[in-house]
Amino acid sequence: MNKSELVDALADRTGMTKADAARAVDAVFDTDGGILAGVLAKGDRVQITGFGTFEAKQRKARTGRNPRTGETIHISASKTPSFRAGKGLKDAIN
């Protein structure tokens, strides 16, 4: 399912117009000012009971190798988004 299919499904399920559904999806998932990205950028987490938890995890600096040259390179510390599925989502899939 891609974003436009998600918008269509949301519009069908809720009775919203497709434009309203698109704005709702953008408000939650947009990378520039969306709710999830904003909360994770502040270092907080988003926990949706029964669905899962989104959080930003800190990755330590490390050394790696350039696969072309074999040269050792330094990889800086960074934050990465993480998602852990909740019990309700796991049960729905299984």
N, C-alpha and C. Protein backbone atom coordinates (compact mmCIF):
# COMPACT_ATOMS: atom_id res chain seq x y z
N MET A 1 0.86 -1.17 0.00
CA MET A 1 0.00 0.00 0.00
C MET A 1 0.90 1.23 0.00
N ASN A 2 0.65 2.14 -0.90
CA ASN A 2 1.40 3.39 -0.93
C ASN A 2 0.54 4.51 -0.34
N LYS A 3 1.07 5.72 -0.35
CA LYS A 3 0.39 6.84 0.30
C LYS A 3 -0.97 7.13 -0.31
N SER A 4 -1.08 7.12 -1.63
CA SER A 4 -2.37 7.43 -2.26
C SER A 4 -3.40 6.34 -1.96
N GLU A 5 -2.97 5.09 -1.87
CA GLU A 5 -3.89 4.01 -1.50
C GLU A 5 -4.32 4.16 -0.04
N LEU A 6 -3.42 4.61 0.82
CA LEU A 6 -3.76 4.86 2.22
C LEU A 6 -4.78 5.97 2.32
N VAL A 7 -4.59 7.04 1.55
CA VAL A 7 -5.54 8.16 1.54
C VAL A 7 -6.91 7.67 1.08
N ASP A 8 -6.95 6.87 0.01
CA ASP A 8 -8.22 6.33 -0.49
C ASP A 8 -8.92 5.47 0.56
N ALA A 9 -8.15 4.60 1.22
CA ALA A 9 -8.72 3.72 2.24
C ALA A 9 -9.26 4.52 3.42
N LEU A 10 -8.52 5.54 3.84
CA LEU A 10 -8.97 6.39 4.94
C LEU A 10 -10.24 7.13 4.57
N ALA A 11 -10.30 7.66 3.36
CA ALA A 11 -11.50 8.37 2.90
C ALA A 11 -12.71 7.44 2.86
N ASP A 12 -12.51 6.22 2.35
CA ASP A 12 -13.62 5.25 2.29
C ASP A 12 -14.09 4.83 3.68
N ARG A 13 -13.13 4.58 4.58
CA ARG A 13 -13.47 4.08 5.91
C ARG A 13 -14.16 5.13 6.77
N THR A 14 -13.77 6.40 6.63
CA THR A 14 -14.28 7.44 7.52
C THR A 14 -15.34 8.33 6.90
N GLY A 15 -15.50 8.26 5.58
CA GLY A 15 -16.45 9.14 4.91
C GLY A 15 -15.89 10.53 4.66
N MET A 16 -14.61 10.72 4.87
CA MET A 16 -13.96 12.01 4.60
C MET A 16 -13.79 12.16 3.09
N THR A 17 -13.60 13.39 2.66
CA THR A 17 -13.23 13.59 1.26
C THR A 17 -11.77 13.15 1.11
N LYS A 18 -11.36 12.88 -0.13
CA LYS A 18 -9.98 12.47 -0.35
C LYS A 18 -9.01 13.60 0.02
N ALA A 19 -9.41 14.84 -0.19
CA ALA A 19 -8.56 15.97 0.16
C ALA A 19 -8.36 16.05 1.68
N ASP A 20 -9.45 15.85 2.44
CA ASP A 20 -9.33 15.86 3.90
C ASP A 20 -8.49 14.68 4.39
N ALA A 21 -8.69 13.52 3.77
CA ALA A 21 -7.92 12.34 4.16
C ALA A 21 -6.44 12.55 3.86
N ALA A 22 -6.13 13.18 2.72
CA ALA A 22 -4.73 13.46 2.37
C ALA A 22 -4.10 14.41 3.38
N ARG A 23 -4.85 15.43 3.80
CA ARG A 23 -4.34 16.35 4.81
C ARG A 23 -4.11 15.64 6.15
N ALA A 24 -4.99 14.72 6.50
CA ALA A 24 -4.84 13.97 7.75
C ALA A 24 -3.60 13.08 7.70
N VAL A 25 -3.40 12.39 6.59
CA VAL A 25 -2.23 11.52 6.44
C VAL A 25 -0.95 12.36 6.49
N ASP A 26 -0.95 13.50 5.78
CA ASP A 26 0.21 14.38 5.80
C ASP A 26 0.48 14.93 7.20
N ALA A 27 -0.56 15.26 7.94
CA ALA A 27 -0.39 15.80 9.28
C ALA A 27 0.32 14.81 10.20
N VAL A 28 0.08 13.53 10.00
CA VAL A 28 0.69 12.52 10.85
C VAL A 28 2.06 12.09 10.33
N PHE A 29 2.16 11.82 9.02
CA PHE A 29 3.35 11.15 8.49
C PHE A 29 4.32 12.03 7.72
N ASP A 30 4.03 13.30 7.48
CA ASP A 30 4.91 14.15 6.69
C ASP A 30 6.27 14.30 7.38
N THR A 31 7.34 14.27 6.59
CA THR A 31 8.68 14.38 7.17
C THR A 31 9.04 15.81 7.52
N ASP A 32 8.38 16.78 6.90
CA ASP A 32 8.64 18.20 7.18
C ASP A 32 7.48 18.79 7.95
N GLY A 33 7.45 18.57 9.25
CA GLY A 33 6.40 19.16 10.07
C GLY A 33 5.29 18.21 10.45
N GLY A 34 5.41 16.93 10.12
CA GLY A 34 4.40 15.96 10.54
C GLY A 34 4.50 15.69 12.04
N ILE A 35 3.43 15.20 12.60
CA ILE A 35 3.38 14.95 14.04
C ILE A 35 4.44 13.94 14.47
N LEU A 36 4.52 12.80 13.80
CA LEU A 36 5.49 11.77 14.19
C LEU A 36 6.92 12.29 14.10
N ALA A 37 7.28 12.89 12.99
CA ALA A 37 8.65 13.39 12.81
C ALA A 37 8.99 14.46 13.85
N GLY A 38 8.04 15.32 14.16
CA GLY A 38 8.28 16.37 15.15
C GLY A 38 8.52 15.82 16.54
N VAL A 39 7.71 14.86 16.93
CA VAL A 39 7.86 14.26 18.26
C VAL A 39 9.18 13.50 18.36
N LEU A 40 9.51 12.73 17.32
CA LEU A 40 10.76 11.96 17.34
C LEU A 40 11.98 12.88 17.32
N ALA A 41 11.90 13.99 16.60
CA ALA A 41 13.02 14.94 16.55
C ALA A 41 13.29 15.55 17.92
N LYS A 42 12.25 15.72 18.74
CA LYS A 42 12.43 16.25 20.09
C LYS A 42 12.99 15.20 21.06
N GLY A 43 13.02 13.94 20.63
CA GLY A 43 13.53 12.88 21.49
C GLY A 43 12.46 12.14 22.25
N ASP A 44 11.20 12.49 22.03
CA ASP A 44 10.11 11.79 22.69
C ASP A 44 9.70 10.57 21.87
N ARG A 45 8.79 9.79 22.41
CA ARG A 45 8.29 8.63 21.68
C ARG A 45 6.79 8.72 21.53
N VAL A 46 6.26 8.02 20.54
CA VAL A 46 4.83 7.98 20.28
C VAL A 46 4.38 6.54 20.52
N GLN A 47 3.52 6.35 21.51
CA GLN A 47 3.03 5.02 21.84
C GLN A 47 1.54 4.96 21.55
N ILE A 48 1.17 4.08 20.65
CA ILE A 48 -0.24 3.86 20.31
C ILE A 48 -0.60 2.48 20.82
N THR A 49 -1.37 2.44 21.89
CA THR A 49 -1.69 1.18 22.55
C THR A 49 -2.33 0.21 21.58
N GLY A 50 -1.80 -1.01 21.56
CA GLY A 50 -2.31 -2.06 20.68
C GLY A 50 -1.70 -2.03 19.29
N PHE A 51 -1.10 -0.91 18.89
CA PHE A 51 -0.50 -0.81 17.56
C PHE A 51 1.01 -0.89 17.63
N GLY A 52 1.64 0.00 18.41
CA GLY A 52 3.09 -0.04 18.52
C GLY A 52 3.66 1.26 19.04
N THR A 53 4.99 1.30 19.06
CA THR A 53 5.71 2.45 19.60
C THR A 53 6.75 2.92 18.59
N PHE A 54 6.72 4.22 18.30
CA PHE A 54 7.72 4.86 17.47
C PHE A 54 8.67 5.60 18.41
N GLU A 55 9.99 5.46 18.19
CA GLU A 55 10.94 6.21 18.99
C GLU A 55 12.22 6.42 18.19
N ALA A 56 12.99 7.41 18.61
CA ALA A 56 14.28 7.70 17.99
C ALA A 56 15.35 7.08 18.86
N LYS A 57 16.21 6.26 18.27
CA LYS A 57 17.29 5.63 19.01
C LYS A 57 18.61 6.24 18.59
N GLN A 58 19.49 6.37 19.54
CA GLN A 58 20.82 6.94 19.29
C GLN A 58 21.75 5.82 18.84
N ARG A 59 22.44 6.04 17.73
CA ARG A 59 23.47 5.09 17.26
C ARG A 59 24.83 5.69 17.57
N LYS A 60 25.71 4.88 18.11
CA LYS A 60 27.06 5.33 18.46
C LYS A 60 27.90 5.51 17.20
N ALA A 61 28.93 6.34 17.32
CA ALA A 61 29.90 6.47 16.24
C ALA A 61 30.65 5.15 16.11
N ARG A 62 31.04 4.82 14.89
CA ARG A 62 31.71 3.55 14.67
C ARG A 62 32.59 3.65 13.43
N THR A 63 33.39 2.64 13.22
CA THR A 63 34.19 2.59 12.01
C THR A 63 33.56 1.59 11.05
N GLY A 64 33.68 1.87 9.77
CA GLY A 64 33.15 0.99 8.75
C GLY A 64 34.14 0.89 7.62
N ARG A 65 33.76 0.20 6.57
CA ARG A 65 34.63 0.04 5.42
C ARG A 65 33.91 0.47 4.16
N ASN A 66 34.62 1.18 3.30
CA ASN A 66 34.11 1.50 1.98
C ASN A 66 34.16 0.20 1.17
N PRO A 67 33.01 -0.30 0.67
CA PRO A 67 33.02 -1.59 -0.01
C PRO A 67 33.81 -1.59 -1.32
N ARG A 68 33.95 -0.44 -1.95
CA ARG A 68 34.71 -0.38 -3.21
C ARG A 68 36.21 -0.44 -2.99
N THR A 69 36.67 0.36 -2.04
CA THR A 69 38.12 0.49 -1.86
C THR A 69 38.65 -0.31 -0.67
N GLY A 70 37.78 -0.71 0.24
CA GLY A 70 38.23 -1.40 1.44
C GLY A 70 38.80 -0.46 2.48
N GLU A 71 38.76 0.85 2.19
CA GLU A 71 39.29 1.86 3.10
C GLU A 71 38.43 1.95 4.35
N THR A 72 39.07 2.09 5.51
CA THR A 72 38.36 2.26 6.77
C THR A 72 37.86 3.70 6.85
N ILE A 73 36.59 3.87 7.20
CA ILE A 73 36.00 5.20 7.30
C ILE A 73 35.34 5.36 8.67
N HIS A 74 35.18 6.60 9.09
CA HIS A 74 34.51 6.91 10.35
C HIS A 74 33.04 7.21 10.06
N ILE A 75 32.15 6.56 10.77
CA ILE A 75 30.71 6.81 10.65
C ILE A 75 30.28 7.54 11.91
N SER A 76 29.76 8.74 11.76
CA SER A 76 29.39 9.58 12.90
C SER A 76 28.19 9.02 13.65
N ALA A 77 28.05 9.45 14.89
CA ALA A 77 26.88 9.09 15.69
C ALA A 77 25.65 9.74 15.06
N SER A 78 24.51 9.08 15.18
CA SER A 78 23.28 9.62 14.59
C SER A 78 22.07 9.06 15.32
N LYS A 79 20.93 9.68 15.04
CA LYS A 79 19.66 9.16 15.54
C LYS A 79 18.98 8.43 14.41
N THR A 80 18.26 7.37 14.73
CA THR A 80 17.53 6.63 13.72
C THR A 80 16.14 6.31 14.24
N PRO A 81 15.11 6.39 13.38
CA PRO A 81 13.77 6.06 13.85
C PRO A 81 13.62 4.55 14.03
N SER A 82 12.80 4.19 14.99
CA SER A 82 12.58 2.78 15.30
C SER A 82 11.10 2.56 15.57
N PHE A 83 10.60 1.38 15.23
CA PHE A 83 9.21 1.02 15.50
C PHE A 83 9.18 -0.37 16.10
N ARG A 84 8.44 -0.52 17.19
CA ARG A 84 8.20 -1.82 17.80
C ARG A 84 6.71 -2.09 17.74
N ALA A 85 6.33 -3.18 17.13
CA ALA A 85 4.92 -3.52 17.00
C ALA A 85 4.35 -3.92 18.36
N GLY A 86 3.11 -3.52 18.61
CA GLY A 86 2.42 -3.87 19.83
C GLY A 86 1.73 -5.22 19.71
N LYS A 87 1.23 -5.73 20.81
CA LYS A 87 0.61 -7.05 20.84
C LYS A 87 -0.61 -7.12 19.93
N GLY A 88 -1.43 -6.09 19.91
CA GLY A 88 -2.62 -6.10 19.06
C GLY A 88 -2.28 -6.21 17.59
N LEU A 89 -1.25 -5.51 17.14
CA LEU A 89 -0.83 -5.57 15.74
C LEU A 89 -0.25 -6.93 15.42
N LYS A 90 0.56 -7.46 16.32
CA LYS A 90 1.15 -8.80 16.12
C LYS A 90 0.06 -9.85 16.02
N ASP A 91 -0.95 -9.77 16.90
CA ASP A 91 -2.05 -10.73 16.88
C ASP A 91 -2.87 -10.60 15.60
N ALA A 92 -3.07 -9.38 15.12
CA ALA A 92 -3.86 -9.17 13.89
C ALA A 92 -3.16 -9.76 12.68
N ILE A 93 -1.85 -9.73 12.67
CA ILE A 93 -1.09 -10.28 11.54
C ILE A 93 -1.06 -11.79 11.59
N ASN A 94 -0.94 -12.32 12.77
CA ASN A 94 -0.88 -13.79 12.91
C ASN A 94 -2.28 -14.31 12.98
